Amino acid sequence: MNRKLVLLLSLLYVAFMAYLFFHYRSTEESFKSTVAIGGMVCGAVPFLLALFTKLQFNLPIVISYLLFLVGSQYFGSILGWYGLGWWDTFMHFLSGAILAFSGIALYERLVHRDAEVEISPWIIFLFTLSFAAFGGVLWEIYEFSSDQFFDMTLQGGGNDDTMIDLISDTGGGLIIALWSGVRTKIKLKNKQEYPQLT
């Protein structure tokens, strides 16, 4: 079911961006039509992964990813909400939270269930927070590189913009990391008190 839903949601997003591409191309708005092409490519990623791999999808992460694309590409770039100032900060906060959820999903796939009893909730907290912060750092490297090599202005505010973005990424990741640490602590306590339920 998850795979079919991922295919459907991705196709809907790609179709929406394709419609926007043709619409903005007909009105000769090249920036918006270029963003729509990027939207089609980004929206196709979950579709192609679902179609050509045997990955098990974490549906909340895929939905969050597509909502992030809507927020950044459609609202932010096409409708111009990045000009509001706070929208970029909000999107970085949201991406930090999404990356943290991705870190949790990665951790749960990599660590054997029997080993979870031996792992401190602090390790899960630190892994989740670090995963989100590292994703933010990679994005800022991308922005810096694009500005340097392709004469773009992704870091419009220079160092201030970079630091606000990194703080926002870390803030979003911190909230989810705290939640994951507390959730793990509760799960461990329940396993110790009620071993027959596990």
Protein backbone atom coordinates (compact mmCIF):
# COMPACT_ATOMS: atom_id res chain seq x y z
CA MET A 1 0.00 0.00 0.00
CA ASN A 2 2.79 2.44 0.90
CA ARG A 3 4.46 1.90 -2.47
CA LYS A 4 1.23 2.64 -4.38
CA LEU A 5 0.58 5.75 -2.31
CA VAL A 6 4.14 6.98 -2.88
CA LEU A 7 3.70 6.45 -6.63
CA LEU A 8 0.37 8.31 -6.62
CA LEU A 9 1.55 11.27 -4.52
CA SER A 10 4.74 11.67 -6.56
CA LEU A 11 2.81 11.50 -9.83
CA LEU A 12 0.37 14.13 -8.60
CA TYR A 13 3.21 16.48 -7.69
CA VAL A 14 5.02 15.89 -11.00
CA ALA A 15 1.76 16.47 -12.91
CA PHE A 16 1.15 19.71 -10.98
CA MET A 17 4.66 20.94 -11.76
CA ALA A 18 4.30 19.89 -15.42
CA TYR A 19 1.09 21.95 -15.63
CA LEU A 20 2.91 24.94 -14.09
CA PHE A 21 5.81 24.47 -16.52
CA PHE A 22 3.55 24.68 -19.58
CA HIS A 23 1.54 27.53 -18.06
CA TYR A 24 4.59 29.67 -17.25
CA ARG A 25 6.30 28.75 -20.51
CA SER A 26 3.26 30.04 -22.42
CA THR A 27 3.39 33.31 -20.46
CA GLU A 28 7.17 33.51 -21.02
CA GLU A 29 8.04 33.51 -17.32
CA SER A 30 11.35 31.66 -17.64
CA PHE A 31 12.30 31.67 -13.94
CA LYS A 32 9.01 30.08 -12.88
CA SER A 33 9.10 27.55 -15.70
CA THR A 34 12.66 26.60 -14.70
CA VAL A 35 11.56 26.11 -11.08
CA ALA A 36 8.73 23.91 -12.37
CA ILE A 37 11.27 21.74 -14.23
CA GLY A 38 13.20 21.39 -10.98
CA GLY A 39 9.93 20.48 -9.29
CA MET A 40 9.27 17.72 -11.80
CA VAL A 41 12.76 16.29 -11.25
CA CYS A 42 12.55 16.48 -7.43
CA GLY A 43 9.01 15.10 -7.40
CA ALA A 44 10.04 12.19 -9.60
CA VAL A 45 12.69 10.98 -7.13
CA PRO A 46 10.27 9.08 -4.80
CA PHE A 47 8.36 7.83 -7.87
CA LEU A 48 11.50 6.42 -9.49
CA LEU A 49 12.73 4.90 -6.23
CA ALA A 50 9.35 3.23 -5.68
CA LEU A 51 9.23 1.99 -9.26
CA PHE A 52 12.77 0.68 -9.68
CA THR A 53 13.96 -0.32 -6.21
CA LYS A 54 12.76 -2.58 -3.44
CA LEU A 55 13.06 0.11 -0.77
CA GLN A 56 10.52 0.07 2.01
CA PHE A 57 9.13 3.58 2.26
CA ASN A 58 8.52 5.49 5.43
CA LEU A 59 5.32 7.21 4.30
CA PRO A 60 5.51 10.18 6.72
CA ILE A 61 8.97 11.02 5.37
CA VAL A 62 7.81 10.88 1.73
CA ILE A 63 4.77 13.04 2.53
CA SER A 64 6.98 15.48 4.46
CA TYR A 65 9.41 15.60 1.53
CA LEU A 66 6.63 16.39 -0.95
CA LEU A 67 5.15 19.03 1.39
CA PHE A 68 8.62 20.55 1.68
CA LEU A 69 8.84 20.67 -2.13
CA VAL A 70 5.46 22.40 -2.30
CA GLY A 71 6.60 24.90 0.33
CA SER A 72 9.99 25.63 -1.18
CA GLN A 73 9.35 25.36 -4.91
CA TYR A 74 5.73 26.41 -5.31
CA PHE A 75 5.09 28.79 -2.42
CA GLY A 76 8.68 29.93 -1.93
CA SER A 77 10.02 30.32 -5.47
CA ILE A 78 7.03 30.45 -7.82
CA LEU A 79 4.67 32.48 -5.63
CA GLY A 80 7.55 34.50 -4.21
CA TRP A 81 7.10 33.78 -0.50
CA TYR A 82 10.88 33.74 -0.02
CA GLY A 83 10.59 37.51 -0.36
CA LEU A 84 8.69 37.59 2.94
CA GLY A 85 11.91 37.02 4.87
CA TRP A 86 10.58 34.55 7.42
CA TRP A 87 9.64 31.89 4.84
CA ASP A 88 13.26 30.81 4.24
CA THR A 89 13.80 30.46 7.99
CA PHE A 90 10.60 28.43 8.34
CA MET A 91 11.59 26.15 5.46
CA HIS A 92 15.01 25.52 7.05
CA PHE A 93 13.30 24.74 10.36
CA LEU A 94 10.97 22.32 8.57
CA SER A 95 13.84 20.70 6.67
CA GLY A 96 15.73 20.18 9.94
CA ALA A 97 12.70 18.34 11.34
CA ILE A 98 12.32 16.25 8.16
CA LEU A 99 16.02 15.36 8.21
CA ALA A 100 15.72 14.36 11.87
CA PHE A 101 12.81 12.04 11.04
CA SER A 102 14.94 10.62 8.21
CA GLY A 103 17.76 10.07 10.72
CA ILE A 104 15.38 8.17 13.00
CA ALA A 105 14.22 5.99 10.09
CA LEU A 106 17.84 5.33 9.10
CA TYR A 107 18.79 4.47 12.67
CA GLU A 108 15.86 2.05 12.97
CA ARG A 109 16.91 0.29 9.75
CA LEU A 110 20.59 0.05 10.70
CA VAL A 111 20.30 -1.06 14.33
CA HIS A 112 19.05 -4.55 15.13
CA ARG A 113 15.99 -4.54 17.40
CA ASP A 114 17.73 -6.66 20.04
CA ALA A 115 20.53 -4.09 20.27
CA GLU A 116 18.11 -1.26 21.08
CA VAL A 117 18.03 -2.32 24.73
CA GLU A 118 21.76 -1.69 25.00
CA ILE A 119 21.77 1.73 23.31
CA SER A 120 21.34 4.85 25.40
CA PRO A 121 18.53 7.27 24.48
CA TRP A 122 21.26 9.94 24.46
CA ILE A 123 22.94 8.22 21.51
CA ILE A 124 19.68 8.29 19.58
CA PHE A 125 19.19 11.95 20.52
CA LEU A 126 22.73 12.83 19.38
CA PHE A 127 22.48 10.81 16.15
CA THR A 128 19.15 12.40 15.23
CA LEU A 129 20.32 15.94 16.01
CA SER A 130 23.64 15.43 14.22
CA PHE A 131 21.92 14.01 11.14
CA ALA A 132 19.67 17.08 10.89
CA ALA A 133 22.51 19.56 11.51
CA PHE A 134 24.78 17.80 9.00
CA GLY A 135 22.05 18.01 6.35
CA GLY A 136 21.84 21.75 7.00
CA VAL A 137 25.61 22.09 6.64
CA LEU A 138 25.55 20.22 3.31
CA TRP A 139 22.83 22.54 2.06
CA GLU A 140 24.82 25.63 3.02
CA ILE A 141 27.85 24.20 1.20
CA TYR A 142 25.62 23.79 -1.85
CA GLU A 143 24.42 27.42 -1.57
CA PHE A 144 27.97 28.72 -1.14
CA SER A 145 29.27 26.65 -4.08
CA SER A 146 26.42 27.77 -6.33
CA ASP A 147 27.13 31.41 -5.48
CA GLN A 148 30.86 31.01 -6.11
CA PHE A 149 30.83 28.90 -9.26
CA PHE A 150 27.56 29.84 -10.98
CA ASP A 151 27.22 33.48 -9.92
CA MET A 152 23.95 32.84 -8.09
CA THR A 153 22.71 34.64 -4.98
CA LEU A 154 21.44 31.81 -2.79
CA GLN A 155 23.19 33.27 0.26
CA GLY A 156 21.56 36.65 -0.13
CA GLY A 157 22.43 37.78 3.39
CA GLY A 158 25.95 36.36 3.46
CA ASN A 159 27.12 35.09 6.85
CA ASP A 160 23.93 36.22 8.63
CA ASP A 161 21.80 34.21 6.19
CA THR A 162 24.00 31.14 6.62
CA MET A 163 23.92 31.29 10.42
CA ILE A 164 20.15 31.86 10.61
CA ASP A 165 19.63 28.92 8.23
CA LEU A 166 21.91 26.64 10.28
CA ILE A 167 20.27 27.68 13.56
CA SER A 168 16.83 27.00 12.04
CA ASP A 169 17.92 23.59 10.70
CA THR A 170 19.33 22.71 14.11
CA GLY A 171 16.21 23.99 15.90
CA GLY A 172 13.91 21.79 13.81
CA GLY A 173 16.23 18.84 14.33
CA LEU A 174 16.50 19.53 18.07
CA ILE A 175 12.75 19.29 18.63
CA ILE A 176 12.54 15.93 16.85
CA ALA A 177 15.76 14.70 18.51
CA LEU A 178 14.33 15.50 21.96
CA TRP A 179 11.13 13.71 21.05
CA SER A 180 13.06 10.65 19.78
CA GLY A 181 15.22 10.54 22.91
CA VAL A 182 12.19 10.70 25.22
CA ARG A 183 10.31 8.15 23.09
CA THR A 184 13.29 5.77 23.25
CA LYS A 185 13.61 6.20 27.00
CA ILE A 186 9.92 5.35 27.45
CA LYS A 187 10.23 2.32 25.15
CA LEU A 188 13.25 1.05 27.08
CA LYS A 189 11.48 1.54 30.40
CA ASN A 190 8.44 -0.37 29.13
CA LYS A 191 10.66 -3.21 27.86
CA GLN A 192 12.31 -3.49 31.27
CA GLU A 193 9.05 -3.34 33.23
CA TYR A 194 6.97 -5.47 30.85
CA PRO A 195 9.37 -7.82 28.99
CA GLN A 196 6.51 -10.18 28.12
CA LEU A 197 4.96 -7.51 25.85
CA THR A 198 8.02 -7.22 23.57
